[in-house]
PDB file of all heavy atoms in Angstrom:
ATOM      1  N   GLY A   1      40.096 -38.137-107.709  1.00  0.00           N
ATOM      2  CA  GLY A   1      39.959 -36.713-107.956  1.00  0.00           C
ATOM      3  C   GLY A   1      38.800 -36.413-108.887  1.00  0.00           C
ATOM      4  O   GLY A   1      37.944 -35.570-108.599  1.00  0.00           O
ATOM      5  N   ILE A   2      38.744 -37.114-110.020  1.00  0.00           N
ATOM      6  CA  ILE A   2      37.673 -36.909-110.991  1.00  0.00           C
ATOM      7  C   ILE A   2      36.333 -37.298-110.383  1.00  0.00           C
ATOM      8  O   ILE A   2      35.335 -36.578-110.518  1.00  0.00           O
ATOM      9  CB  ILE A   2      37.957 -37.704-112.279  1.00  0.00           C
ATOM     10  CG1 ILE A   2      39.225 -37.175-112.962  1.00  0.00           C
ATOM     11  CG2 ILE A   2      36.773 -37.641-113.239  1.00  0.00           C
ATOM     12  CD1 ILE A   2      39.687 -37.990-114.149  1.00  0.00           C
ATOM     13  N   LEU A   3      36.298 -38.420-109.695  1.00  0.00           N
ATOM     14  CA  LEU A   3      35.045 -38.867-109.073  1.00  0.00           C
ATOM     15  C   LEU A   3      34.600 -37.923-107.965  1.00  0.00           C
ATOM     16  O   LEU A   3      33.408 -37.606-107.838  1.00  0.00           O
ATOM     17  CB  LEU A   3      35.211 -40.283-108.524  1.00  0.00           C
ATOM     18  CG  LEU A   3      35.254 -41.404-109.554  1.00  0.00           C
ATOM     19  CD1 LEU A   3      35.705 -42.698-108.903  1.00  0.00           C
ATOM     20  CD2 LEU A   3      33.889 -41.586-110.219  1.00  0.00           C
ATOM     21  N   GLY A   4      35.539 -37.455-107.149  1.00  0.00           N
ATOM     22  CA  GLY A   4      35.184 -36.559-106.052  1.00  0.00           C
ATOM     23  C   GLY A   4      34.564 -35.273-106.548  1.00  0.00           C
ATOM     24  O   GLY A   4      33.546 -34.803-106.020  1.00  0.00           O
ATOM     25  N   VAL A   5      35.148 -34.687-107.595  1.00  0.00           N
ATOM     26  CA  VAL A   5      34.613 -33.440-108.139  1.00  0.00           C
ATOM     27  C   VAL A   5      33.261 -33.660-108.787  1.00  0.00           C
ATOM     28  O   VAL A   5      32.340 -32.848-108.648  1.00  0.00           O
ATOM     29  CB  VAL A   5      35.606 -32.827-109.152  1.00  0.00           C
ATOM     30  CG1 VAL A   5      34.980 -31.614-109.848  1.00  0.00           C
ATOM     31  CG2 VAL A   5      36.897 -32.431-108.457  1.00  0.00           C
ATOM     32  N   GLY A   6      33.099 -34.792-109.478  1.00  0.00           N
ATOM     33  CA  GLY A   6      31.877 -35.028-110.243  1.00  0.00           C
ATOM     34  C   GLY A   6      30.743 -35.660-109.476  1.00  0.00           C
ATOM     35  O   GLY A   6      29.636 -35.794-110.020  1.00  0.00           O
ATOM     36  N   MET A   7      30.944 -36.030-108.209  1.00  0.00           N
ATOM     37  CA  MET A   7      29.922 -36.808-107.504  1.00  0.00           C
ATOM     38  C   MET A   7      28.698 -35.980-107.106  1.00  0.00           C
ATOM     39  O   MET A   7      27.655 -36.539-106.754  1.00  0.00           O
ATOM     40  CB  MET A   7      30.533 -37.474-106.263  1.00  0.00           C
ATOM     41  CG  MET A   7      31.005 -36.509-105.194  1.00  0.00           C
ATOM     42  SD  MET A   7      32.043 -37.312-103.928  1.00  0.00           S
ATOM     43  CE  MET A   7      30.841 -38.293-103.064  1.00  0.00           C
ATOM     44  N   GLY A   8      28.774 -34.654-107.194  1.00  0.00           N
ATOM     45  CA  GLY A   8      27.617 -33.824-106.876  1.00  0.00           C
ATOM     46  C   GLY A   8      26.667 -33.631-108.034  1.00  0.00           C
ATOM     47  O   GLY A   8      25.591 -33.051-107.865  1.00  0.00           O
ATOM     48  N   SER A   9      27.037 -34.107-109.206  1.00  0.00           N
ATOM     49  CA  SER A   9      26.212 -33.906-110.399  1.00  0.00           C
ATOM     50  C   SER A   9      25.493 -35.192-110.788  1.00  0.00           C
ATOM     51  O   SER A   9      26.010 -36.296-110.595  1.00  0.00           O
ATOM     52  CB  SER A   9      27.086 -33.441-111.573  1.00  0.00           C
ATOM     53  OG  SER A   9      26.327 -33.362-112.760  1.00  0.00           O
ATOM     54  N   SER A  10      24.308 -35.023-111.373  1.00  0.00           N
ATOM     55  CA  SER A  10      23.587 -36.184-111.916  1.00  0.00           C
ATOM     56  C   SER A  10      24.209 -36.655-113.220  1.00  0.00           C
ATOM     57  O   SER A  10      23.917 -37.754-113.701  1.00  0.00           O
ATOM     58  CB  SER A  10      22.119 -35.821-112.154  1.00  0.00           C
ATOM     59  OG  SER A  10      22.014 -34.752-113.088  1.00  0.00           O
ATOM     60  N   ARG A  11      25.067 -35.832-113.799  1.00  0.00           N
ATOM     61  CA  ARG A  11      25.751 -36.179-115.054  1.00  0.00           C
ATOM     62  C   ARG A  11      27.194 -36.511-114.700  1.00  0.00           C
ATOM     63  O   ARG A  11      28.005 -35.633-114.415  1.00  0.00           O
ATOM     64  CB  ARG A  11      25.637 -35.027-116.039  1.00  0.00           C
ATOM     65  CG  ARG A  11      24.155 -34.667-116.259  1.00  0.00           C
ATOM     66  CD  ARG A  11      23.927 -33.715-117.385  1.00  0.00           C
ATOM     67  NE  ARG A  11      24.519 -32.410-117.185  1.00  0.00           N
ATOM     68  CZ  ARG A  11      24.365 -31.401-118.047  1.00  0.00           C
ATOM     69  NH1 ARG A  11      23.639 -31.574-119.139  1.00  0.00           N
ATOM     70  NH2 ARG A  11      24.926 -30.233-117.827  1.00  0.00           N
ATOM     71  N   LEU A  12      27.487 -37.783-114.687  1.00  0.00           N
ATOM     72  CA  LEU A  12      28.695 -38.303-114.047  1.00  0.00           C
ATOM     73  C   LEU A  12      29.945 -38.062-114.886  1.00  0.00           C
ATOM     74  O   LEU A  12      29.869 -37.846-116.099  1.00  0.00           O
ATOM     75  CB  LEU A  12      28.506 -39.791-113.751  1.00  0.00           C
ATOM     76  CG  LEU A  12      27.395 -40.086-112.734  1.00  0.00           C
ATOM     77  CD1 LEU A  12      27.222 -41.587-112.549  1.00  0.00           C
ATOM     78  CD2 LEU A  12      27.695 -39.413-111.393  1.00  0.00           C
ATOM     79  N   PRO A  13      31.121 -38.092-114.240  1.00  0.00           N
ATOM     80  CA  PRO A  13      32.374 -37.727-114.903  1.00  0.00           C
ATOM     81  C   PRO A  13      32.883 -38.801-115.871  1.00  0.00           C
ATOM     82  O   PRO A  13      32.413 -39.947-115.881  1.00  0.00           O
ATOM     83  CB  PRO A  13      33.334 -37.530-113.737  1.00  0.00           C
ATOM     84  CG  PRO A  13      32.803 -38.391-112.653  1.00  0.00           C
ATOM     85  CD  PRO A  13      31.311 -38.364-112.806  1.00  0.00           C
ATOM     86  N   ARG A  14      33.859 -38.404-116.651  1.00  0.00           N
ATOM     87  CA  ARG A  14      34.535 -39.297-117.594  1.00  0.00           C
ATOM     88  C   ARG A  14      36.020 -38.926-117.624  1.00  0.00           C
ATOM     89  O   ARG A  14      36.402 -37.795-117.340  1.00  0.00           O
ATOM     90  CB  ARG A  14      33.990 -39.168-119.022  1.00  0.00           C
ATOM     91  CG  ARG A  14      32.505 -39.401-119.214  1.00  0.00           C
ATOM     92  CD  ARG A  14      32.123 -40.858-119.068  1.00  0.00           C
ATOM     93  NE  ARG A  14      30.755 -41.102-119.511  1.00  0.00           N
ATOM     94  CZ  ARG A  14      29.666 -40.877-118.798  1.00  0.00           C
ATOM     95  NH1 ARG A  14      29.778 -40.346-117.579  1.00  0.00           N
ATOM     96  NH2 ARG A  14      28.464 -41.160-119.282  1.00  0.00           N
ATOM     97  N   LEU A  15      36.830 -39.902-118.014  1.00  0.00           N
ATOM     98  CA  LEU A  15      38.218 -39.658-118.400  1.00  0.00           C
ATOM     99  C   LEU A  15      38.353 -40.151-119.830  1.00  0.00           C
ATOM    100  O   LEU A  15      37.912 -41.267-120.147  1.00  0.00           O
ATOM    101  CB  LEU A  15      39.192 -40.400-117.479  1.00  0.00           C
ATOM    102  CG  LEU A  15      40.680 -40.335-117.862  1.00  0.00           C
ATOM    103  CD1 LEU A  15      41.208 -38.905-117.740  1.00  0.00           C
ATOM    104  CD2 LEU A  15      41.518 -41.284-116.990  1.00  0.00           C
ATOM    105  N   VAL A  16      38.928 -39.331-120.695  1.00  0.00           N
ATOM    106  CA  VAL A  16      39.060 -39.683-122.107  1.00  0.00           C
ATOM    107  C   VAL A  16      40.531 -39.603-122.496  1.00  0.00           C
ATOM    108  O   VAL A  16      41.218 -38.625-122.192  1.00  0.00           O
ATOM    109  CB  VAL A  16      38.234 -38.740-123.006  1.00  0.00           C
ATOM    110  CG1 VAL A  16      38.393 -39.119-124.477  1.00  0.00           C
ATOM    111  CG2 VAL A  16      36.763 -38.780-122.610  1.00  0.00           C
ATOM    112  N   ARG A  17      41.003 -40.642-123.171  1.00  0.00           N
ATOM    113  CA  ARG A  17      42.366 -40.678-123.703  1.00  0.00           C
ATOM    114  C   ARG A  17      42.290 -40.629-125.224  1.00  0.00           C
ATOM    115  O   ARG A  17      41.613 -41.449-125.849  1.00  0.00           O
ATOM    116  CB  ARG A  17      43.078 -41.947-123.257  1.00  0.00           C
ATOM    117  CG  ARG A  17      44.503 -42.106-123.799  1.00  0.00           C
ATOM    118  CD  ARG A  17      45.074 -43.456-123.354  1.00  0.00           C
ATOM    119  NE  ARG A  17      46.454 -43.643-123.751  1.00  0.00           N
ATOM    120  CZ  ARG A  17      46.850 -44.136-124.930  1.00  0.00           C
ATOM    121  NH1 ARG A  17      45.922 -44.477-125.841  1.00  0.00           N
ATOM    122  NH2 ARG A  17      48.122 -44.281-125.226  1.00  0.00           N
ATOM    123  N   VAL A  18      42.978 -39.672-125.828  1.00  0.00           N
ATOM    124  CA  VAL A  18      43.000 -39.498-127.278  1.00  0.00           C
ATOM    125  C   VAL A  18      44.454 -39.585-127.727  1.00  0.00           C
ATOM    126  O   VAL A  18      45.304 -38.845-127.228  1.00  0.00           O
ATOM    127  CB  VAL A  18      42.404 -38.135-127.685  1.00  0.00           C
ATOM    128  CG1 VAL A  18      42.373 -37.989-129.199  1.00  0.00           C
ATOM    129  CG2 VAL A  18      41.005 -37.963-127.101  1.00  0.00           C
ATOM    130  N   GLU A  19      44.739 -40.491-128.656  1.00  0.00           N
ATOM    131  CA  GLU A  19      46.136 -40.697-129.043  1.00  0.00           C
ATOM    132  C   GLU A  19      46.325 -40.643-130.548  1.00  0.00           C
ATOM    133  O   GLU A  19      45.638 -41.324-131.317  1.00  0.00           O
ATOM    134  CB  GLU A  19      46.644 -42.053-128.547  1.00  0.00           C
ATOM    135  CG  GLU A  19      48.118 -42.294-128.894  1.00  0.00           C
ATOM    136  CD  GLU A  19      48.604 -43.670-128.490  1.00  0.00           C
ATOM    137  OE1 GLU A  19      47.989 -44.662-128.935  1.00  0.00           O
ATOM    138  OE2 GLU A  19      49.586 -43.759-127.740  1.00  0.00           O
ATOM    139  N   TRP A  20      47.292 -39.823-130.965  1.00  0.00           N
ATOM    140  CA  TRP A  20      47.809 -39.821-132.336  1.00  0.00           C
ATOM    141  C   TRP A  20      49.198 -40.454-132.281  1.00  0.00           C
ATOM    142  O   TRP A  20      50.087 -39.957-131.596  1.00  0.00           O
ATOM    143  CB  TRP A  20      47.891 -38.392-132.883  1.00  0.00           C
ATOM    144  CG  TRP A  20      48.833 -38.220-134.047  1.00  0.00           C
ATOM    145  CD1 TRP A  20      49.964 -37.465-134.078  1.00  0.00           C
ATOM    146  CD2 TRP A  20      48.710 -38.813-135.354  1.00  0.00           C
ATOM    147  NE1 TRP A  20      50.563 -37.544-135.305  1.00  0.00           N
ATOM    148  CE2 TRP A  20      49.819 -38.360-136.117  1.00  0.00           C
ATOM    149  CE3 TRP A  20      47.794 -39.674-135.941  1.00  0.00           C
ATOM    150  CZ2 TRP A  20      50.025 -38.748-137.444  1.00  0.00           C
ATOM    151  CZ3 TRP A  20      47.992 -40.059-137.264  1.00  0.00           C
ATOM    152  CH2 TRP A  20      49.081 -39.595-138.002  1.00  0.00           C
ATOM    153  N   LYS A  21      49.372 -41.583-132.961  1.00  0.00           N
ATOM    154  CA  LYS A  21      50.638 -42.310-132.898  1.00  0.00           C
ATOM    155  C   LYS A  21      51.039 -42.708-134.305  1.00  0.00           C
ATOM    156  O   LYS A  21      50.683 -43.793-134.791  1.00  0.00           O
ATOM    157  CB  LYS A  21      50.506 -43.543-131.999  1.00  0.00           C
ATOM    158  CG  LYS A  21      51.838 -44.242-131.715  1.00  0.00           C
ATOM    159  CD  LYS A  21      51.671 -45.374-130.713  1.00  0.00           C
ATOM    160  CE  LYS A  21      53.011 -46.004-130.374  1.00  0.00           C
ATOM    161  NZ  LYS A  21      52.865 -47.081-129.359  1.00  0.00           N
ATOM    162  N   PRO A  22      51.802 -41.863-134.998  1.00  0.00           N
ATOM    163  CA  PRO A  22      52.215 -42.183-136.362  1.00  0.00           C
ATOM    164  C   PRO A  22      53.322 -43.234-136.388  1.00  0.00           C
ATOM    165  O   PRO A  22      54.062 -43.404-135.409  1.00  0.00           O
ATOM    166  CB  PRO A  22      52.723 -40.837-136.881  1.00  0.00           C
ATOM    167  CG  PRO A  22      53.234 -40.146-135.659  1.00  0.00           C
ATOM    168  CD  PRO A  22      52.314 -40.568-134.541  1.00  0.00           C
ATOM    169  N   ALA A  23      53.438 -43.906-137.508  1.00  0.00           N
ATOM    170  CA  ALA A  23      54.459 -44.950-137.645  1.00  0.00           C
ATOM    171  C   ALA A  23      55.866 -44.375-137.560  1.00  0.00           C
ATOM    172  O   ALA A  23      56.798 -45.055-137.115  1.00  0.00           O
ATOM    173  CB  ALA A  23      54.259 -45.688-138.975  1.00  0.00           C
ATOM    174  N   ASP A  24      56.038 -43.125-137.983  1.00  0.00           N
ATOM    175  CA  ASP A  24      57.366 -42.504-137.985  1.00  0.00           C
ATOM    176  C   ASP A  24      57.577 -41.584-136.791  1.00  0.00           C
ATOM    177  O   ASP A  24      58.332 -40.613-136.860  1.00  0.00           O
ATOM    178  CB  ASP A  24      57.576 -41.720-139.288  1.00  0.00           C
ATOM    179  CG  ASP A  24      56.525 -40.624-139.494  1.00  0.00           C
ATOM    180  OD1 ASP A  24      55.502 -40.633-138.774  1.00  0.00           O
ATOM    181  OD2 ASP A  24      56.739 -39.756-140.366  1.00  0.00           O
ATOM    182  N   SER A  25      56.937 -41.891-135.677  1.00  0.00           N
ATOM    183  CA  SER A  25      56.987 -41.018-134.508  1.00  0.00           C
ATOM    184  C   SER A  25      58.412 -40.803-134.017  1.00  0.00           C
ATOM    185  O   SER A  25      59.197 -41.745-133.900  1.00  0.00           O
ATOM    186  CB  SER A  25      56.146 -41.622-133.376  1.00  0.00           C
ATOM    187  OG  SER A  25      56.250 -40.813-132.218  1.00  0.00           O
ATOM    188  N   LYS A  26      58.737 -39.553-133.708  1.00  0.00           N
ATOM    189  CA  LYS A  26      60.067 -39.190-133.223  1.00  0.00           C
ATOM    190  C   LYS A  26      60.033 -38.696-131.773  1.00  0.00           C
ATOM    191  O   LYS A  26      60.956 -38.001-131.329  1.00  0.00           O
ATOM    192  CB  LYS A  26      60.667 -38.114-134.130  1.00  0.00           C
ATOM    193  CG  LYS A  26      60.941 -38.592-135.550  1.00  0.00           C
ATOM    194  CD  LYS A  26      61.528 -37.477-136.403  1.00  0.00           C
ATOM    195  CE  LYS A  26      61.954 -37.996-137.761  1.00  0.00           C
ATOM    196  NZ  LYS A  26      60.815 -38.493-138.556  1.00  0.00           N
ATOM    197  N   GLY A  27      58.987 -39.033-131.047  1.00  0.00           N
ATOM    198  CA  GLY A  27      58.892 -38.610-129.660  1.00  0.00           C
ATOM    199  C   GLY A  27      57.462 -38.729-129.174  1.00  0.00           C
ATOM    200  O   GLY A  27      56.564 -39.104-129.940  1.00  0.00           O
ATOM    201  N   HIS A  28      57.255 -38.442-127.909  1.00  0.00           N
ATOM    202  CA  HIS A  28      55.930 -38.596-127.301  1.00  0.00           C
ATOM    203  C   HIS A  28      55.667 -37.434-126.353  1.00  0.00           C
ATOM    204  O   HIS A  28      56.398 -37.234-125.377  1.00  0.00           O
ATOM    205  CB  HIS A  28      55.856 -39.932-126.540  1.00  0.00           C
ATOM    206  CG  HIS A  28      54.534 -40.188-125.888  1.00  0.00           C
ATOM    207  ND1 HIS A  28      54.341 -41.232-124.998  1.00  0.00           N
ATOM    208  CD2 HIS A  28      53.344 -39.548-125.972  1.00  0.00           C
ATOM    209  CE1 HIS A  28      53.079 -41.212-124.579  1.00  0.00           C
ATOM    210  NE2 HIS A  28      52.465 -40.195-125.157  1.00  0.00           N
ATOM    211  N   VAL A  29      54.633 -36.654-126.659  1.00  0.00           N
ATOM    212  CA  VAL A  29      54.194 -35.555-125.797  1.00  0.00           C
ATOM    213  C   VAL A  29      52.837 -35.922-125.214  1.00  0.00           C
ATOM    214  O   VAL A  29      51.905 -36.257-125.953  1.00  0.00           O
ATOM    215  CB  VAL A  29      54.079 -34.237-126.582  1.00  0.00           C
ATOM    216  CG1 VAL A  29      53.577 -33.124-125.665  1.00  0.00           C
ATOM    217  CG2 VAL A  29      55.415 -33.858-127.213  1.00  0.00           C
ATOM    218  N   ALA A  30      52.722 -35.884-123.897  1.00  0.00           N
ATOM    219  CA  ALA A  30      51.443 -36.135-123.242  1.00  0.00           C
ATOM    220  C   ALA A  30      50.827 -34.802-122.823  1.00  0.00           C
ATOM    221  O   ALA A  30      51.526 -33.889-122.372  1.00  0.00           O
ATOM    222  CB  ALA A  30      51.623 -37.030-122.017  1.00  0.00           C
TER     223      ALA A  30
END
């Protein structure tokens, strides 16, 4: 999906994962 949308541009796509994971975590929201 990401590649298909971005393949028309000379500036190619990316996927970025950013995670905050504290030691006292009480759950996980994506």
